[in-house]
Each structure stands twice: as C-alpha cells, then as structure tokens.
C-alpha cells in the first residue's frame, strides 16, 4: 500500500449563487461545478498490511498528479456588520472524481467585502 504525505488538493469550482436578503442577514445557496487537481508524494510503501488504500497508484518515481471533475452543493448566511462588510458562515457537500475521489462536507467562515453594494 502506498502512504502519501503532504497531499495537495486544489478545487476550481464555478456556478450560480442565489441570495435571499432579509434585514441584516443574507441567505444564499449555490451549485458549483468544475474540477479538482491532486498532487501526492509517496512517503513510504507498506506491503501486507491488509489495509485497502483509496489513493491512486503512486509510481516508482514517488509522485502522482491528477485532475478530475469536482462539484459542491451548499449555502450559508452573511451577517451584515457595515454597509459593504459581512461575516459569512458557509457549508458545502463536496464531491470529486479525481484519483482521490472525495465525498465530504466543507465548512468555512470569514469576512466578506461586497463591491458595489
């Protein structure tokens, strides 16, 4: 089995977002589609452990790089702090079909600066 260290996963997703304003809160939902790029480097090669690996086969060179389809479905809420500044809380279901085939939930938060609002 290949054991990877320091995997690098980059999502590039695009799509529509629908907002529903209501006072200081702006709820939103989105569907994003695009791709995912995965870089894996082998740190060790273990055999006979009986563990099934979900990693793509890593060649003798010790490195694999793949790009595949990815998408996210989710939404969240922005809380207005000032006219163009808001605090955002967001959750997405993220799936991909690259060599690392992910299916998981992504939660993020942070400040949003709205241009032209």
C-alpha atoms as a PDB file:
ATOM      1  CA  UNK A   1       0.000   0.000   0.000  1.00  0.00           C
ATOM      2  CA  UNK A   2       1.219   3.499  -0.764  1.00  0.00           C
ATOM      3  CA  UNK A   3       1.158   6.012   2.058  1.00  0.00           C
ATOM      4  CA  UNK A   4       1.092   9.618   0.902  1.00  0.00           C
ATOM      5  CA  UNK A   5       2.441  12.569   2.795  1.00  0.00           C
ATOM      6  CA  UNK A   6       1.520  16.201   2.282  1.00  0.00           C
ATOM      7  CA  UNK A   7      -1.243  15.719  -0.310  1.00  0.00           C
ATOM      8  CA  UNK A   8      -2.119  18.944  -2.119  1.00  0.00           C
ATOM      9  CA  UNK A   9      -5.739  19.252  -3.285  1.00  0.00           C
ATOM     10  CA  UNK A  10      -6.947  22.286  -5.239  1.00  0.00           C
ATOM     11  CA  UNK A  11     -10.602  22.788  -6.222  1.00  0.00           C
ATOM     12  CA  UNK A  12     -11.578  25.158  -9.029  1.00  0.00           C
ATOM     13  CA  UNK A  13     -15.364  25.450  -8.979  1.00  0.00           C
ATOM     14  CA  UNK A  14     -17.760  27.873 -10.679  1.00  0.00           C
ATOM     15  CA  UNK A  15     -21.523  28.310 -10.778  1.00  0.00           C
ATOM     16  CA  UNK A  16     -24.588  30.307  -9.838  1.00  0.00           C
ATOM     17  CA  UNK A  17     -25.331  31.604  -6.367  1.00  0.00           C
ATOM     18  CA  UNK A  18     -28.812  32.689  -5.328  1.00  0.00           C
ATOM     19  CA  UNK A  19     -29.199  35.232  -2.494  1.00  0.00           C
ATOM     20  CA  UNK A  20     -32.237  35.990  -0.339  1.00  0.00           C
ATOM     21  CA  UNK A  21     -31.805  39.269   1.592  1.00  0.00           C
ATOM     22  CA  UNK A  22     -33.667  39.816   4.858  1.00  0.00           C
ATOM     23  CA  UNK A  23     -32.563  42.626   7.154  1.00  0.00           C
ATOM     24  CA  UNK A  24     -29.050  42.091   8.488  1.00  0.00           C
ATOM     25  CA  UNK A  25     -28.998  38.502   7.140  1.00  0.00           C
ATOM     26  CA  UNK A  26     -28.483  37.430   3.533  1.00  0.00           C
ATOM     27  CA  UNK A  27     -29.083  33.718   2.989  1.00  0.00           C
ATOM     28  CA  UNK A  28     -27.608  32.091  -0.112  1.00  0.00           C
ATOM     29  CA  UNK A  29     -27.461  28.761  -1.913  1.00  0.00           C
ATOM     30  CA  UNK A  30     -25.194  27.649  -4.745  1.00  0.00           C
ATOM     31  CA  UNK A  31     -24.331  24.808  -7.095  1.00  0.00           C
ATOM     32  CA  UNK A  32     -20.700  24.796  -8.181  1.00  0.00           C
ATOM     33  CA  UNK A  33     -19.058  22.547 -10.776  1.00  0.00           C
ATOM     34  CA  UNK A  34     -15.551  22.386 -12.176  1.00  0.00           C
ATOM     35  CA  UNK A  35     -12.539  20.346 -11.288  1.00  0.00           C
ATOM     36  CA  UNK A  36     -10.037  19.237  -8.711  1.00  0.00           C
ATOM     37  CA  UNK A  37      -6.288  18.839  -9.024  1.00  0.00           C
ATOM     38  CA  UNK A  38      -4.479  16.391  -6.717  1.00  0.00           C
ATOM     39  CA  UNK A  39      -0.709  16.068  -6.123  1.00  0.00           C
ATOM     40  CA  UNK A  40       0.502  13.141  -3.998  1.00  0.00           C
ATOM     41  CA  UNK A  41       4.027  12.175  -2.999  1.00  0.00           C
ATOM     42  CA  UNK A  42       4.896   8.744  -1.618  1.00  0.00           C
ATOM     43  CA  UNK A  43       6.500   8.776   1.791  1.00  0.00           C
ATOM     44  CA  UNK A  44       6.581   5.008   2.298  1.00  0.00           C
ATOM     45  CA  UNK A  45       5.416   1.799   0.655  1.00  0.00           C
ATOM     46  CA  UNK A  46       3.868  -0.710   3.094  1.00  0.00           C
ATOM     47  CA  UNK A  47       3.008  -4.240   1.914  1.00  0.00           C
ATOM     48  CA  UNK A  48       0.971  -6.980   3.544  1.00  0.00           C
ATOM     49  CA  UNK A  49      -0.883  -4.720   5.979  1.00  0.00           C
ATOM     50  CA  UNK A  50      -4.341  -5.805   4.766  1.00  0.00           C
ATOM     51  CA  UNK A  51      -5.481  -2.164   4.526  1.00  0.00           C
ATOM     52  CA  UNK A  52      -7.295  -1.144   1.359  1.00  0.00           C
ATOM     53  CA  UNK A  53      -5.983   2.162   0.014  1.00  0.00           C
ATOM     54  CA  UNK A  54      -8.206   4.766  -1.660  1.00  0.00           C
ATOM     55  CA  UNK A  55      -5.162   6.551  -3.067  1.00  0.00           C
ATOM     56  CA  UNK A  56      -4.379   6.261  -6.770  1.00  0.00           C
ATOM     57  CA  UNK A  57      -1.357   4.058  -7.530  1.00  0.00           C
ATOM     58  CA  UNK A  58       1.825   6.052  -6.953  1.00  0.00           C
ATOM     59  CA  UNK A  59       4.537   5.069  -9.453  1.00  0.00           C
ATOM     60  CA  UNK A  60       8.163   4.295  -8.595  1.00  0.00           C
ATOM     61  CA  UNK A  61       9.022   7.970  -9.118  1.00  0.00           C
ATOM     62  CA  UNK A  62       7.033   8.580  -5.903  1.00  0.00           C
ATOM     63  CA  UNK A  63       4.754  11.284  -7.327  1.00  0.00           C
ATOM     64  CA  UNK A  64       1.335  11.387  -8.994  1.00  0.00           C
ATOM     65  CA  UNK A  65      -0.618  14.378 -10.284  1.00  0.00           C
ATOM     66  CA  UNK A  66      -4.245  14.097 -11.469  1.00  0.00           C
ATOM     67  CA  UNK A  67      -7.096  16.389 -12.464  1.00  0.00           C
ATOM     68  CA  UNK A  68     -10.765  15.340 -12.486  1.00  0.00           C
ATOM     69  CA  UNK A  69     -14.352  16.528 -12.163  1.00  0.00           C
ATOM     70  CA  UNK A  70     -15.467  18.173  -8.914  1.00  0.00           C
ATOM     71  CA  UNK A  71     -18.653  19.796  -7.623  1.00  0.00           C
ATOM     72  CA  UNK A  72     -20.121  21.383  -4.496  1.00  0.00           C
ATOM     73  CA  UNK A  73     -23.709  21.931  -3.391  1.00  0.00           C
ATOM     74  CA  UNK A  74     -24.412  24.136  -0.400  1.00  0.00           C
ATOM     75  CA  UNK A  75     -25.139  27.526   1.021  1.00  0.00           C
ATOM     76  CA  UNK A  76     -24.896  29.728   4.032  1.00  0.00           C
ATOM     77  CA  UNK A  77     -25.634  33.096   5.552  1.00  0.00           C
ATOM     78  CA  UNK A  78     -23.947  36.510   5.564  1.00  0.00           C
ATOM     79  CA  UNK A  79     -24.484  38.776   8.586  1.00  0.00           C
ATOM     80  CA  UNK A  80     -24.031  42.485   7.718  1.00  0.00           C
ATOM     81  CA  UNK A  81     -21.585  44.282  10.008  1.00  0.00           C
ATOM     82  CA  UNK A  82     -21.377  47.501   7.956  1.00  0.00           C
ATOM     83  CA  UNK A  83     -22.692  48.564   4.550  1.00  0.00           C
ATOM     84  CA  UNK A  84     -20.133  46.570   2.482  1.00  0.00           C
ATOM     85  CA  UNK A  85     -18.763  44.242   5.182  1.00  0.00           C
ATOM     86  CA  UNK A  86     -20.329  40.994   6.383  1.00  0.00           C
ATOM     87  CA  UNK A  87     -19.452  37.854   8.342  1.00  0.00           C
ATOM     88  CA  UNK A  88     -20.087  34.654   6.357  1.00  0.00           C
ATOM     89  CA  UNK A  89     -20.797  31.103   7.550  1.00  0.00           C
ATOM     90  CA  UNK A  90     -20.995  28.503   4.771  1.00  0.00           C
ATOM     91  CA  UNK A  91     -21.333  24.708   4.389  1.00  0.00           C
ATOM     92  CA  UNK A  92     -20.953  22.598   1.233  1.00  0.00           C
ATOM     93  CA  UNK A  93     -21.191  18.958   0.253  1.00  0.00           C
ATOM     94  CA  UNK A  94     -18.051  18.445  -1.863  1.00  0.00           C
ATOM     95  CA  UNK A  95     -17.512  15.536  -4.225  1.00  0.00           C
ATOM     96  CA  UNK A  96     -14.850  14.786  -6.822  1.00  0.00           C
ATOM     97  CA  UNK A  97     -13.983  12.094  -9.328  1.00  0.00           C
ATOM     98  CA  UNK A  98     -10.215  12.568  -9.445  1.00  0.00           C
ATOM     99  CA  UNK A  99      -7.827   9.848  -8.321  1.00  0.00           C
ATOM    100  CA  UNK A 100      -8.540  10.725  -4.669  1.00  0.00           C
ATOM    101  CA  UNK A 101     -12.389  10.548  -5.068  1.00  0.00           C
ATOM    102  CA  UNK A 102     -13.700  12.641  -2.184  1.00  0.00           C
ATOM    103  CA  UNK A 103     -17.183  12.854  -0.663  1.00  0.00           C
ATOM    104  CA  UNK A 104     -17.283  15.101   2.374  1.00  0.00           C
ATOM    105  CA  UNK A 105     -18.628  18.275   3.990  1.00  0.00           C
ATOM    106  CA  UNK A 106     -16.675  21.520   3.908  1.00  0.00           C
ATOM    107  CA  UNK A 107     -17.447  24.281   6.452  1.00  0.00           C
ATOM    108  CA  UNK A 108     -15.941  27.750   6.156  1.00  0.00           C
ATOM    109  CA  UNK A 109     -16.286  31.172   7.729  1.00  0.00           C
ATOM    110  CA  UNK A 110     -14.773  34.601   7.257  1.00  0.00           C
ATOM    111  CA  UNK A 111     -15.251  38.238   6.347  1.00  0.00           C
ATOM    112  CA  UNK A 112     -16.920  39.252   3.063  1.00  0.00           C
ATOM    113  CA  UNK A 113     -16.317  42.614   1.446  1.00  0.00           C
ATOM    114  CA  UNK A 114     -19.045  43.345  -1.102  1.00  0.00           C
ATOM    115  CA  UNK A 115     -18.151  45.597  -4.029  1.00  0.00           C
ATOM    116  CA  UNK A 116     -20.857  47.900  -5.351  1.00  0.00           C
ATOM    117  CA  UNK A 117     -23.492  47.044  -2.727  1.00  0.00           C
END
